[in-house]
Amino acid sequence: MADYYATTAKNLMLAALTVNKLSLHDGNPGSAGTANEYSGGGYAKRDAVFNAAADGKRTLSANVMFSGTPEDTVTWLGLWSNTTFRGAIELPAGATFHADTGMLAVLKDDTYYGIGACV
């Protein structure tokens, strides 16, 4: 029988986990979040606001825009609480900076972090 956390417990744990900045990486960011951080075209970490936890996840409340070199691709999104690395999300298909503008949007409707089943 698999163990699991009830949704209410997941929401309580997520409420205690603050993520207020995002970073982009062109490879696995590693356990400290400092590996493979993207550095092209005026890139910088960006502020982010996540909604309150619901259904075991916290969703991004607004799109977050990044500047970069046109047509560069990133594959990981770093999650930060100010200067403390909290984790990362792999972007399996990657995300590419727009060819004309050099901008990349992290979309609120597609971005969340949560707690999966406990193994």
PDB file of N, CA and C in Angstrom:
ATOM      1  N   MET A   1       0.842  -1.172   0.000  1.00  0.00           N
ATOM      2  CA  MET A   1       0.000   0.000   0.000  1.00  0.00           C
ATOM      3  C   MET A   1       0.892   1.241   0.000  1.00  0.00           C
ATOM      4  N   ALA A   2       0.584   2.170  -0.859  1.00  0.00           N
ATOM      5  CA  ALA A   2       1.376   3.404  -0.963  1.00  0.00           C
ATOM      6  C   ALA A   2       0.977   4.392   0.136  1.00  0.00           C
ATOM      7  N   ASP A   3       1.961   5.075   0.676  1.00  0.00           N
ATOM      8  CA  ASP A   3       1.696   6.146   1.630  1.00  0.00           C
ATOM      9  C   ASP A   3       1.413   7.420   0.857  1.00  0.00           C
ATOM     10  N   TYR A   4       0.660   8.328   1.444  1.00  0.00           N
ATOM     11  CA  TYR A   4       0.392   9.592   0.788  1.00  0.00           C
ATOM     12  C   TYR A   4       0.086  10.657   1.832  1.00  0.00           C
ATOM     13  N   TYR A   5       0.200  11.900   1.405  1.00  0.00           N
ATOM     14  CA  TYR A   5      -0.211  13.019   2.244  1.00  0.00           C
ATOM     15  C   TYR A   5      -1.601  13.464   1.806  1.00  0.00           C
ATOM     16  N   ALA A   6      -2.474  13.727   2.753  1.00  0.00           N
ATOM     17  CA  ALA A   6      -3.784  14.279   2.427  1.00  0.00           C
ATOM     18  C   ALA A   6      -3.588  15.673   1.837  1.00  0.00           C
ATOM     19  N   THR A   7      -4.502  16.088   1.006  1.00  0.00           N
ATOM     20  CA  THR A   7      -4.402  17.402   0.360  1.00  0.00           C
ATOM     21  C   THR A   7      -4.267  18.515   1.386  1.00  0.00           C
ATOM     22  N   THR A   8      -4.985  18.423   2.489  1.00  0.00           N
ATOM     23  CA  THR A   8      -4.896  19.448   3.533  1.00  0.00           C
ATOM     24  C   THR A   8      -3.481  19.532   4.088  1.00  0.00           C
ATOM     25  N   ALA A   9      -2.834  18.394   4.294  1.00  0.00           N
ATOM     26  CA  ALA A   9      -1.463  18.384   4.796  1.00  0.00           C
ATOM     27  C   ALA A   9      -0.510  18.985   3.765  1.00  0.00           C
ATOM     28  N   LYS A  10      -0.694  18.645   2.495  1.00  0.00           N
ATOM     29  CA  LYS A  10       0.143  19.220   1.437  1.00  0.00           C
ATOM     30  C   LYS A  10       0.007  20.741   1.430  1.00  0.00           C
ATOM     31  N   ASN A  11      -1.225  21.218   1.524  1.00  0.00           N
ATOM     32  CA  ASN A  11      -1.450  22.666   1.502  1.00  0.00           C
ATOM     33  C   ASN A  11      -0.775  23.357   2.684  1.00  0.00           C
ATOM     34  N   LEU A  12      -0.808  22.745   3.865  1.00  0.00           N
ATOM     35  CA  LEU A  12      -0.142  23.319   5.036  1.00  0.00           C
ATOM     36  C   LEU A  12       1.371  23.382   4.839  1.00  0.00           C
ATOM     37  N   MET A  13       1.955  22.319   4.289  1.00  0.00           N
ATOM     38  CA  MET A  13       3.397  22.308   4.043  1.00  0.00           C
ATOM     39  C   MET A  13       3.775  23.363   3.007  1.00  0.00           C
ATOM     40  N   LEU A  14       2.998  23.459   1.949  1.00  0.00           N
ATOM     41  CA  LEU A  14       3.292  24.438   0.898  1.00  0.00           C
ATOM     42  C   LEU A  14       3.129  25.873   1.397  1.00  0.00           C
ATOM     43  N   ALA A  15       2.207  26.102   2.318  1.00  0.00           N
ATOM     44  CA  ALA A  15       2.017  27.439   2.880  1.00  0.00           C
ATOM     45  C   ALA A  15       3.276  27.910   3.607  1.00  0.00           C
ATOM     46  N   ALA A  16       4.046  26.959   4.135  1.00  0.00           N
ATOM     47  CA  ALA A  16       5.277  27.300   4.852  1.00  0.00           C
ATOM     48  C   ALA A  16       6.472  27.476   3.927  1.00  0.00           C
ATOM     49  N   LEU A  17       6.330  27.133   2.653  1.00  0.00           N
ATOM     50  CA  LEU A  17       7.422  27.202   1.686  1.00  0.00           C
ATOM     51  C   LEU A  17       7.231  28.431   0.798  1.00  0.00           C
ATOM     52  N   THR A  18       8.028  29.453   1.044  1.00  0.00           N
ATOM     53  CA  THR A  18       7.926  30.680   0.260  1.00  0.00           C
ATOM     54  C   THR A  18       8.829  30.594  -0.958  1.00  0.00           C
ATOM     55  N   VAL A  19       8.266  30.833  -2.129  1.00  0.00           N
ATOM     56  CA  VAL A  19       9.035  30.988  -3.354  1.00  0.00           C
ATOM     57  C   VAL A  19       8.648  32.351  -3.918  1.00  0.00           C
ATOM     58  N   ASN A  20       9.654  33.257  -4.050  1.00  0.00           N
ATOM     59  CA  ASN A  20       9.346  34.604  -4.538  1.00  0.00           C
ATOM     60  C   ASN A  20      10.268  35.065  -5.664  1.00  0.00           C
ATOM     61  N   LYS A  21      11.134  34.169  -6.131  1.00  0.00           N
ATOM     62  CA  LYS A  21      12.009  34.484  -7.265  1.00  0.00           C
ATOM     63  C   LYS A  21      12.150  33.253  -8.140  1.00  0.00           C
ATOM     64  N   LEU A  22      12.361  33.492  -9.445  1.00  0.00           N
ATOM     65  CA  LEU A  22      12.586  32.422 -10.400  1.00  0.00           C
ATOM     66  C   LEU A  22      13.900  32.655 -11.132  1.00  0.00           C
ATOM     67  N   SER A  23      14.577  31.571 -11.459  1.00  0.00           N
ATOM     68  CA  SER A  23      15.788  31.648 -12.272  1.00  0.00           C
ATOM     69  C   SER A  23      15.638  30.680 -13.444  1.00  0.00           C
ATOM     70  N   LEU A  24      16.412  30.915 -14.495  1.00  0.00           N
ATOM     71  CA  LEU A  24      16.413  30.040 -15.668  1.00  0.00           C
ATOM     72  C   LEU A  24      17.763  29.356 -15.774  1.00  0.00           C
ATOM     73  N   HIS A  25      17.750  28.097 -16.217  1.00  0.00           N
ATOM     74  CA  HIS A  25      18.977  27.300 -16.314  1.00  0.00           C
ATOM     75  C   HIS A  25      18.974  26.529 -17.621  1.00  0.00           C
ATOM     76  N   ASP A  26      20.166  26.386 -18.213  1.00  0.00           N
ATOM     77  CA  ASP A  26      20.270  25.615 -19.450  1.00  0.00           C
ATOM     78  C   ASP A  26      20.791  24.208 -19.182  1.00  0.00           C
ATOM     79  N   GLY A  27      20.695  23.768 -17.947  1.00  0.00           N
ATOM     80  CA  GLY A  27      21.035  22.425 -17.488  1.00  0.00           C
ATOM     81  C   GLY A  27      20.568  22.305 -16.045  1.00  0.00           C
ATOM     82  N   ASN A  28      20.692  21.134 -15.474  1.00  0.00           N
ATOM     83  CA  ASN A  28      20.264  20.911 -14.097  1.00  0.00           C
ATOM     84  C   ASN A  28      20.948  21.923 -13.173  1.00  0.00           C
ATOM     85  N   PRO A  29      20.169  22.651 -12.334  1.00  0.00           N
ATOM     86  CA  PRO A  29      20.760  23.666 -11.454  1.00  0.00           C
ATOM     87  C   PRO A  29      21.516  23.101 -10.261  1.00  0.00           C
ATOM     88  N   GLY A  30      21.448  21.803 -10.023  1.00  0.00           N
ATOM     89  CA  GLY A  30      22.155  21.203  -8.900  1.00  0.00           C
ATOM     90  C   GLY A  30      21.489  21.500  -7.568  1.00  0.00           C
ATOM     91  N   SER A  31      22.043  20.978  -6.507  1.00  0.00           N
ATOM     92  CA  SER A  31      21.415  21.088  -5.190  1.00  0.00           C
ATOM     93  C   SER A  31      21.458  22.496  -4.600  1.00  0.00           C
ATOM     94  N   ALA A  32      22.370  23.348  -5.068  1.00  0.00           N
ATOM     95  CA  ALA A  32      22.461  24.722  -4.566  1.00  0.00           C
ATOM     96  C   ALA A  32      21.801  25.734  -5.500  1.00  0.00           C
ATOM     97  N   GLY A  33      21.385  25.282  -6.685  1.00  0.00           N
ATOM     98  CA  GLY A  33      20.741  26.174  -7.636  1.00  0.00           C
ATOM     99  C   GLY A  33      21.689  27.057  -8.422  1.00  0.00           C
ATOM    100  N   THR A  34      22.985  26.839  -8.270  1.00  0.00           N
ATOM    101  CA  THR A  34      23.966  27.720  -8.904  1.00  0.00           C
ATOM    102  C   THR A  34      24.546  27.173 -10.197  1.00  0.00           C
ATOM    103  N   ALA A  35      24.307  25.913 -10.498  1.00  0.00           N
ATOM    104  CA  ALA A  35      24.858  25.312 -11.707  1.00  0.00           C
ATOM    105  C   ALA A  35      24.011  25.674 -12.928  1.00  0.00           C
ATOM    106  N   ASN A  36      24.665  25.923 -14.024  1.00  0.00           N
ATOM    107  CA  ASN A  36      24.022  26.103 -15.326  1.00  0.00           C
ATOM    108  C   ASN A  36      23.021  27.256 -15.396  1.00  0.00           C
ATOM    109  N   GLU A  37      23.167  28.278 -14.523  1.00  0.00           N
ATOM    110  CA  GLU A  37      22.226  29.395 -14.618  1.00  0.00           C
ATOM    111  C   GLU A  37      22.468  30.151 -15.925  1.00  0.00           C
ATOM    112  N   TYR A  38      21.398  30.442 -16.602  1.00  0.00           N
ATOM    113  CA  TYR A  38      21.471  31.146 -17.878  1.00  0.00           C
ATOM    114  C   TYR A  38      22.109  32.520 -17.673  1.00  0.00           C
ATOM    115  N   SER A  39      22.827  33.039 -18.689  1.00  0.00           N
ATOM    116  CA  SER A  39      23.511  34.323 -18.500  1.00  0.00           C
ATOM    117  C   SER A  39      23.451  35.243 -19.719  1.00  0.00           C
ATOM    118  N   GLY A  40      22.684  34.918 -20.740  1.00  0.00           N
ATOM    119  CA  GLY A  40      22.708  35.732 -21.961  1.00  0.00           C
ATOM    120  C   GLY A  40      21.749  36.905 -21.959  1.00  0.00           C
ATOM    121  N   GLY A  41      22.050  37.891 -22.798  1.00  0.00           N
ATOM    122  CA  GLY A  41      21.133  38.959 -23.187  1.00  0.00           C
ATOM    123  C   GLY A  41      20.402  39.730 -22.110  1.00  0.00           C
ATOM    124  N   GLY A  42      21.064  40.137 -21.050  1.00  0.00           N
ATOM    125  CA  GLY A  42      20.412  40.942 -20.012  1.00  0.00           C
ATOM    126  C   GLY A  42      19.591  40.135 -19.019  1.00  0.00           C
ATOM    127  N   TYR A  43      19.797  38.826 -18.982  1.00  0.00           N
ATOM    128  CA  TYR A  43      19.070  37.957 -18.061  1.00  0.00           C
ATOM    129  C   TYR A  43      19.336  38.325 -16.607  1.00  0.00           C
ATOM    130  N   ALA A  44      18.309  38.202 -15.772  1.00  0.00           N
ATOM    131  CA  ALA A  44      18.428  38.303 -14.311  1.00  0.00           C
ATOM    132  C   ALA A  44      17.285  37.505 -13.698  1.00  0.00           C
ATOM    133  N   LYS A  45      17.492  37.020 -12.470  1.00  0.00           N
ATOM    134  CA  LYS A  45      16.385  36.375 -11.753  1.00  0.00           C
ATOM    135  C   LYS A  45      15.225  37.369 -11.690  1.00  0.00           C
ATOM    136  N   ARG A  46      14.011  36.837 -11.635  1.00  0.00           N
ATOM    137  CA  ARG A  46      12.817  37.689 -11.599  1.00  0.00           C
ATOM    138  C   ARG A  46      11.969  37.381 -10.372  1.00  0.00           C
ATOM    139  N   ASP A  47      11.317  38.424  -9.866  1.00  0.00           N
ATOM    140  CA  ASP A  47      10.360  38.249  -8.777  1.00  0.00           C
ATOM    141  C   ASP A  47       9.159  37.463  -9.286  1.00  0.00           C
ATOM    142  N   ALA A  48       8.565  36.684  -8.395  1.00  0.00           N
ATOM    143  CA  ALA A  48       7.386  35.896  -8.738  1.00  0.00           C
ATOM    144  C   ALA A  48       6.467  35.837  -7.525  1.00  0.00           C
ATOM    145  N   VAL A  49       5.171  35.798  -7.785  1.00  0.00           N
ATOM    146  CA  VAL A  49       4.185  35.664  -6.717  1.00  0.00           C
ATOM    147  C   VAL A  49       3.354  34.419  -7.012  1.00  0.00           C
ATOM    148  N   PHE A  50       3.257  33.542  -6.021  1.00  0.00           N
ATOM    149  CA  PHE A  50       2.461  32.334  -6.160  1.00  0.00           C
ATOM    150  C   PHE A  50       1.205  32.467  -5.303  1.00  0.00           C
ATOM    151  N   ASN A  51       0.112  31.906  -5.796  1.00  0.00           N
ATOM    152  CA  ASN A  51      -1.150  31.901  -5.061  1.00  0.00           C
ATOM    153  C   ASN A  51      -1.037  30.999  -3.833  1.00  0.00           C
ATOM    154  N   ALA A  52      -1.994  31.155  -2.925  1.00  0.00           N
ATOM    155  CA  ALA A  52      -2.059  30.277  -1.758  1.00  0.00           C
ATOM    156  C   ALA A  52      -2.224  28.830  -2.223  1.00  0.00           C
ATOM    157  N   ALA A  53      -1.746  27.914  -1.417  1.00  0.00           N
ATOM    158  CA  ALA A  53      -1.822  26.496  -1.767  1.00  0.00           C
ATOM    159  C   ALA A  53      -3.272  26.027  -1.851  1.00  0.00           C
ATOM    160  N   ALA A  54      -3.542  25.236  -2.882  1.00  0.00           N
ATOM    161  CA  ALA A  54      -4.853  24.606  -3.069  1.00  0.00           C
ATOM    162  C   ALA A  54      -4.635  23.318  -3.852  1.00  0.00           C
ATOM    163  N   ASP A  55      -5.322  22.271  -3.479  1.00  0.00           N
ATOM    164  CA  ASP A  55      -5.211  20.978  -4.168  1.00  0.00           C
ATOM    165  C   ASP A  55      -3.776  20.450  -4.204  1.00  0.00           C
ATOM    166  N   GLY A  56      -2.985  20.772  -3.188  1.00  0.00           N
ATOM    167  CA  GLY A  56      -1.626  20.254  -3.086  1.00  0.00           C
ATOM    168  C   GLY A  56      -0.615  20.935  -3.978  1.00  0.00           C
ATOM    169  N   LYS A  57      -0.920  22.139  -4.446  1.00  0.00           N
ATOM    170  CA  LYS A  57       0.044  22.875  -5.270  1.00  0.00           C
ATOM    171  C   LYS A  57      -0.169  24.379  -5.122  1.00  0.00           C
ATOM    172  N   ARG A  58       0.883  25.148  -5.489  1.00  0.00           N
ATOM    173  CA  ARG A  58       0.803  26.609  -5.520  1.00  0.00           C
ATOM    174  C   ARG A  58       1.047  27.059  -6.949  1.00  0.00           C
ATOM    175  N   THR A  59       0.107  27.783  -7.510  1.00  0.00           N
ATOM    176  CA  THR A  59       0.205  28.223  -8.899  1.00  0.00           C
ATOM    177  C   THR A  59       0.736  29.647  -8.979  1.00  0.00           C
ATOM    178  N   LEU A  60       1.433  29.943 -10.043  1.00  0.00           N
ATOM    179  CA  LEU A  60       1.949  31.282 -10.298  1.00  0.00           C
ATOM    180  C   LEU A  60       0.780  32.230 -10.522  1.00  0.00           C
ATOM    181  N   SER A  61       0.805  33.411  -9.894  1.00  0.00           N
ATOM    182  CA  SER A  61      -0.341  34.319  -9.967  1.00  0.00           C
ATOM    183  C   SER A  61      -0.312  35.243 -11.182  1.00  0.00           C
ATOM    184  N   ALA A  62       0.838  35.421 -11.803  1.00  0.00           N
ATOM    185  CA  ALA A  62       0.950  36.274 -12.997  1.00  0.00           C
ATOM    186  C   ALA A  62       2.129  35.786 -13.837  1.00  0.00           C
ATOM    187  N   ASN A  63       2.080  36.040 -15.126  1.00  0.00           N
ATOM    188  CA  ASN A  63       3.195  35.682 -15.999  1.00  0.00           C
ATOM    189  C   ASN A  63       4.466  36.389 -15.538  1.00  0.00           C
ATOM    190  N   VAL A  64       5.615  35.751 -15.731  1.00  0.00           N
ATOM    191  CA  VAL A  64       6.913  36.335 -15.398  1.00  0.00           C
ATOM    192  C   VAL A  64       7.726  36.405 -16.688  1.00  0.00           C
ATOM    193  N   MET A  65       8.227  37.603 -17.014  1.00  0.00           N
ATOM    194  CA  MET A  65       8.964  37.816 -18.261  1.00  0.00           C
ATOM    195  C   MET A  65      10.466  37.886 -17.990  1.00  0.00           C
ATOM    196  N   PHE A  66      11.229  37.204 -18.829  1.00  0.00           N
ATOM    197  CA  PHE A  66      12.685  37.206 -18.775  1.00  0.00           C
ATOM    198  C   PHE A  66      13.249  37.749 -20.081  1.00  0.00           C
ATOM    199  N   SER A  67      14.387  38.443 -19.996  1.00  0.00           N
ATOM    200  CA  SER A  67      15.143  38.865 -21.180  1.00  0.00           C
ATOM    201  C   SER A  67      16.262  37.871 -21.409  1.00  0.00           C
ATOM    202  N   GLY A  68      16.620  37.677 -22.680  1.00  0.00           N
ATOM    203  CA  GLY A  68      17.714  36.768 -23.004  1.00  0.00           C
ATOM    204  C   GLY A  68      18.138  36.948 -24.445  1.00  0.00           C
ATOM    205  N   THR A  69      19.001  36.082 -24.901  1.00  0.00           N
ATOM    206  CA  THR A  69      19.476  36.109 -26.274  1.00  0.00           C
ATOM    207  C   THR A  69      18.464  35.393 -27.165  1.00  0.00           C
ATOM    208  N   PRO A  70      18.003  36.049 -28.240  1.00  0.00           N
ATOM    209  CA  PRO A  70      17.015  35.413 -29.116  1.00  0.00           C
ATOM    210  C   PRO A  70      17.425  33.998 -29.529  1.00  0.00           C
ATOM    211  N   GLU A  71      16.467  33.100 -29.452  1.00  0.00           N
ATOM    212  CA  GLU A  71      16.564  31.704 -29.870  1.00  0.00           C
ATOM    213  C   GLU A  71      17.394  30.822 -28.940  1.00  0.00           C
ATOM    214  N   ASP A  72      17.926  31.352 -27.837  1.00  0.00           N
ATOM    215  CA  ASP A  72      18.545  30.495 -26.825  1.00  0.00           C
ATOM    216  C   ASP A  72      17.456  29.670 -26.148  1.00  0.00           C
ATOM    217  N   THR A  73      17.810  28.488 -25.661  1.00  0.00           N
ATOM    218  CA  THR A  73      16.842  27.612 -25.002  1.00  0.00           C
ATOM    219  C   THR A  73      17.283  27.324 -23.573  1.00  0.00           C
ATOM    220  N   VAL A  74      16.329  27.308 -22.659  1.00  0.00           N
ATOM    221  CA  VAL A  74      16.577  26.924 -21.269  1.00  0.00           C
ATOM    222  C   VAL A  74      15.745  25.678 -20.970  1.00  0.00           C
ATOM    223  N   THR A  75      16.202  24.886 -19.989  1.00  0.00           N
ATOM    224  CA  THR A  75      15.543  23.611 -19.717  1.00  0.00           C
ATOM    225  C   THR A  75      15.125  23.422 -18.260  1.00  0.00           C
ATOM    226  N   TRP A  76      15.477  24.365 -17.395  1.00  0.00           N
ATOM    227  CA  TRP A  76      15.113  24.263 -15.978  1.00  0.00           C
ATOM    228  C   TRP A  76      14.680  25.623 -15.454  1.00  0.00           C
ATOM    229  N   LEU A  77      13.754  25.601 -14.497  1.00  0.00           N
ATOM    230  CA  LEU A  77      13.274  26.785 -13.801  1.00  0.00           C
ATOM    231  C   LEU A  77      13.639  26.626 -12.334  1.00  0.00           C
ATOM    232  N   GLY A  78      14.436  27.565 -11.784  1.00  0.00           N
ATOM    233  CA  GLY A  78      14.831  27.516 -10.379  1.00  0.00           C
ATOM    234  C   GLY A  78      13.839  28.249  -9.497  1.00  0.00           C
ATOM    235  N   LEU A  79      13.577  27.714  -8.316  1.00  0.00           N
ATOM    236  CA  LEU A  79      12.643  28.295  -7.340  1.00  0.00           C
ATOM    237  C   LEU A  79      13.433  28.808  -6.149  1.00  0.00           C
ATOM    238  N   TRP A  80      13.253  30.071  -5.806  1.00  0.00           N
ATOM    239  CA  TRP A  80      14.044  30.718  -4.757  1.00  0.00           C
ATOM    240  C   TRP A  80      13.156  31.422  -3.740  1.00  0.00           C
ATOM    241  N   SER A  81      13.626  31.450  -2.496  1.00  0.00           N
ATOM    242  CA  SER A  81      13.073  32.301  -1.450  1.00  0.00           C
ATOM    243  C   SER A  81      14.155  33.332  -1.178  1.00  0.00           C
ATOM    244  N   ASN A  82      14.007  34.492  -1.773  1.00  0.00           N
ATOM    245  CA  ASN A  82      15.046  35.519  -1.764  1.00  0.00           C
ATOM    246  C   ASN A  82      16.345  34.933  -2.320  1.00  0.00           C
ATOM    247  N   THR A  83      17.365  34.732  -1.491  1.00  0.00           N
ATOM    248  CA  THR A  83      18.638  34.185  -1.991  1.00  0.00           C
ATOM    249  C   THR A  83      18.820  32.707  -1.658  1.00  0.00           C
ATOM    250  N   THR A  84      17.797  32.071  -1.110  1.00  0.00           N
ATOM    251  CA  THR A  84      17.877  30.657  -0.740  1.00  0.00           C
ATOM    252  C   THR A  84      17.195  29.793  -1.798  1.00  0.00           C
ATOM    253  N   PHE A  85      17.952  28.863  -2.355  1.00  0.00           N
ATOM    254  CA  PHE A  85      17.421  27.957  -3.366  1.00  0.00           C
ATOM    255  C   PHE A  85      16.478  26.953  -2.721  1.00  0.00           C
ATOM    256  N   ARG A  86      15.284  26.790  -3.305  1.00  0.00           N
ATOM    257  CA  ARG A  86      14.279  25.882  -2.753  1.00  0.00           C
ATOM    258  C   ARG A  86      14.023  24.653  -3.615  1.00  0.00           C
ATOM    259  N   GLY A  87      14.402  24.699  -4.883  1.00  0.00           N
ATOM    260  CA  GLY A  87      14.164  23.555  -5.754  1.00  0.00           C
ATOM    261  C   GLY A  87      14.115  23.994  -7.201  1.00  0.00           C
ATOM    262  N   ALA A  88      13.771  23.053  -8.085  1.00  0.00           N
ATOM    263  CA  ALA A  88      13.740  23.360  -9.511  1.00  0.00           C
ATOM    264  C   ALA A  88      12.694  22.508 -10.220  1.00  0.00           C
ATOM    265  N   ILE A  89      12.255  23.014 -11.341  1.00  0.00           N
ATOM    266  CA  ILE A  89      11.297  22.312 -12.191  1.00  0.00           C
ATOM    267  C   ILE A  89      11.955  22.115 -13.552  1.00  0.00           C
ATOM    268  N   GLU A  90      11.990  20.876 -14.011  1.00  0.00           N
ATOM    269  CA  GLU A  90      12.526  20.622 -15.349  1.00  0.00           C
ATOM    270  C   GLU A  90      11.480  20.986 -16.390  1.00  0.00           C
ATOM    271  N   LEU A  91      11.923  21.627 -17.443  1.00  0.00           N
ATOM    272  CA  LEU A  91      11.050  21.983 -18.570  1.00  0.00           C
ATOM    273  C   LEU A  91      11.353  20.972 -19.680  1.00  0.00           C
ATOM    274  N   PRO A  92      10.636  19.850 -19.726  1.00  0.00           N
ATOM    275  CA  PRO A  92      11.002  18.746 -20.611  1.00  0.00           C
ATOM    276  C   PRO A  92      11.156  19.138 -22.079  1.00  0.00           C
ATOM    277  N   ALA A  93      10.312  20.014 -22.564  1.00  0.00           N
ATOM    278  CA  ALA A  93      10.403  20.429 -23.968  1.00  0.00           C
ATOM    279  C   ALA A  93      11.339  21.622 -24.127  1.00  0.00           C
ATOM    280  N   GLY A  94      11.835  22.167 -23.019  1.00  0.00           N
ATOM    281  CA  GLY A  94      12.657  23.371 -23.077  1.00  0.00           C
ATOM    282  C   GLY A  94      11.791  24.586 -23.369  1.00  0.00           C
ATOM    283  N   ALA A  95      12.365  25.744 -23.235  1.00  0.00           N
ATOM    284  CA  ALA A  95      11.687  27.007 -23.528  1.00  0.00           C
ATOM    285  C   ALA A  95      12.689  27.884 -24.264  1.00  0.00           C
ATOM    286  N   THR A  96      12.237  28.528 -25.331  1.00  0.00           N
ATOM    287  CA  THR A  96      13.136  29.287 -26.193  1.00  0.00           C
ATOM    288  C   THR A  96      12.793  30.765 -26.151  1.00  0.00           C
ATOM    289  N   PHE A  97      13.823  31.617 -26.056  1.00  0.00           N
ATOM    290  CA  PHE A  97      13.624  33.059 -26.113  1.00  0.00           C
ATOM    291  C   PHE A  97      13.137  33.445 -27.503  1.00  0.00           C
ATOM    292  N   HIS A  98      12.189  34.350 -27.557  1.00  0.00           N
ATOM    293  CA  HIS A  98      11.583  34.773 -28.820  1.00  0.00           C
ATOM    294  C   HIS A  98      12.654  35.266 -29.795  1.00  0.00           C
ATOM    295  N   ALA A  99      12.552  34.844 -31.049  1.00  0.00           N
ATOM    296  CA  ALA A  99      13.562  35.159 -32.061  1.00  0.00           C
ATOM    297  C   ALA A  99      13.706  36.655 -32.306  1.00  0.00           C
ATOM    298  N   ASP A 100      12.612  37.418 -32.234  1.00  0.00           N
ATOM    299  CA  ASP A 100      12.670  38.852 -32.525  1.00  0.00           C
ATOM    300  C   ASP A 100      12.926  39.709 -31.292  1.00  0.00           C
ATOM    301  N   THR A 101      12.272  39.371 -30.193  1.00  0.00           N
ATOM    302  CA  THR A 101      12.333  40.245 -29.015  1.00  0.00           C
ATOM    303  C   THR A 101      13.339  39.796 -27.958  1.00  0.00           C
ATOM    304  N   GLY A 102      13.753  38.536 -27.992  1.00  0.00           N
ATOM    305  CA  GLY A 102      14.645  38.025 -26.959  1.00  0.00           C
ATOM    306  C   GLY A 102      13.959  37.862 -25.610  1.00  0.00           C
ATOM    307  N   MET A 103      12.625  37.782 -25.603  1.00  0.00           N
ATOM    308  CA  MET A 103      11.870  37.636 -24.351  1.00  0.00           C
ATOM    309  C   MET A 103      11.366  36.207 -24.207  1.00  0.00           C
ATOM    310  N   LEU A 104      11.211  35.774 -22.962  1.00  0.00           N
ATOM    311  CA  LEU A 104      10.645  34.471 -22.653  1.00  0.00           C
ATOM    312  C   LEU A 104       9.650  34.670 -21.522  1.00  0.00           C
ATOM    313  N   ALA A 105       8.450  34.142 -21.675  1.00  0.00           N
ATOM    314  CA  ALA A 105       7.413  34.272 -20.652  1.00  0.00           C
ATOM    315  C   ALA A 105       7.241  32.949 -19.922  1.00  0.00           C
ATOM    316  N   VAL A 106       7.258  32.988 -18.599  1.00  0.00           N
ATOM    317  CA  VAL A 106       6.865  31.854 -17.783  1.00  0.00           C
ATOM    318  C   VAL A 106       5.395  32.099 -17.467  1.00  0.00           C
ATOM    319  N   LEU A 107       4.537  31.236 -17.983  1.00  0.00           N
ATOM    320  CA  LEU A 107       3.097  31.490 -17.953  1.00  0.00           C
ATOM    321  C   LEU A 107       2.438  31.013 -16.666  1.00  0.00           C
ATOM    322  N   LYS A 108       1.583  31.871 -16.129  1.00  0.00           N
ATOM    323  CA  LYS A 108       0.907  31.554 -14.869  1.00  0.00           C
ATOM    324  C   LYS A 108       0.022  30.324 -14.984  1.00  0.00           C
ATOM    325  N   ASP A 109      -0.590  30.119 -16.131  1.00  0.00           N
ATOM    326  CA  ASP A 109      -1.499  28.984 -16.280  1.00  0.00           C
ATOM    327  C   ASP A 109      -0.770  27.653 -16.419  1.00  0.00           C
ATOM    328  N   ASP A 110       0.532  27.690 -16.659  1.00  0.00           N
ATOM    329  CA  ASP A 110       1.307  26.472 -16.860  1.00  0.00           C
ATOM    330  C   ASP A 110       2.324  26.202 -15.762  1.00  0.00           C
ATOM    331  N   THR A 111       2.409  27.061 -14.733  1.00  0.00           N
ATOM    332  CA  THR A 111       3.499  26.969 -13.768  1.00  0.00           C
ATOM    333  C   THR A 111       2.976  26.808 -12.347  1.00  0.00           C
ATOM    334  N   TYR A 112       3.444  25.748 -11.674  1.00  0.00           N
ATOM    335  CA  TYR A 112       3.106  25.520 -10.268  1.00  0.00           C
ATOM    336  C   TYR A 112       4.172  24.621  -9.641  1.00  0.00           C
ATOM    337  N   TYR A 113       4.192  24.596  -8.330  1.00  0.00           N
ATOM    338  CA  TYR A 113       4.983  23.607  -7.618  1.00  0.00           C
ATOM    339  C   TYR A 113       4.098  22.959  -6.580  1.00  0.00           C
ATOM    340  N   GLY A 114       4.392  21.719  -6.252  1.00  0.00           N
ATOM    341  CA  GLY A 114       3.536  20.998  -5.331  1.00  0.00           C
ATOM    342  C   GLY A 114       4.276  19.847  -4.685  1.00  0.00           C
ATOM    343  N   ILE A 115       3.504  19.036  -3.983  1.00  0.00           N
ATOM    344  CA  ILE A 115       4.043  17.880  -3.275  1.00  0.00           C
ATOM    345  C   ILE A 115       3.401  16.636  -3.852  1.00  0.00           C
ATOM    346  N   GLY A 116       4.237  15.735  -4.341  1.00  0.00           N
ATOM    347  CA  GLY A 116       3.730  14.490  -4.917  1.00  0.00           C
ATOM    348  C   GLY A 116       3.524  13.427  -3.852  1.00  0.00           C
ATOM    349  N   ALA A 117       3.290  12.229  -4.295  1.00  0.00           N
ATOM    350  CA  ALA A 117       3.081  11.110  -3.363  1.00  0.00           C
ATOM    351  C   ALA A 117       4.366  10.830  -2.591  1.00  0.00           C
ATOM    352  N   CYS A 118       4.224  10.419  -1.390  1.00  0.00           N
ATOM    353  CA  CYS A 118       5.359  10.051  -0.548  1.00  0.00           C
ATOM    354  C   CYS A 118       5.681   8.591  -0.789  1.00  0.00           C
ATOM    355  N   VAL A 119       6.929   8.310  -1.157  1.00  0.00           N
ATOM    356  CA  VAL A 119       7.302   6.921  -1.451  1.00  0.00           C
ATOM    357  C   VAL A 119       8.015   6.317  -0.258  1.00  0.00           C
TER     358      VAL A 119
END
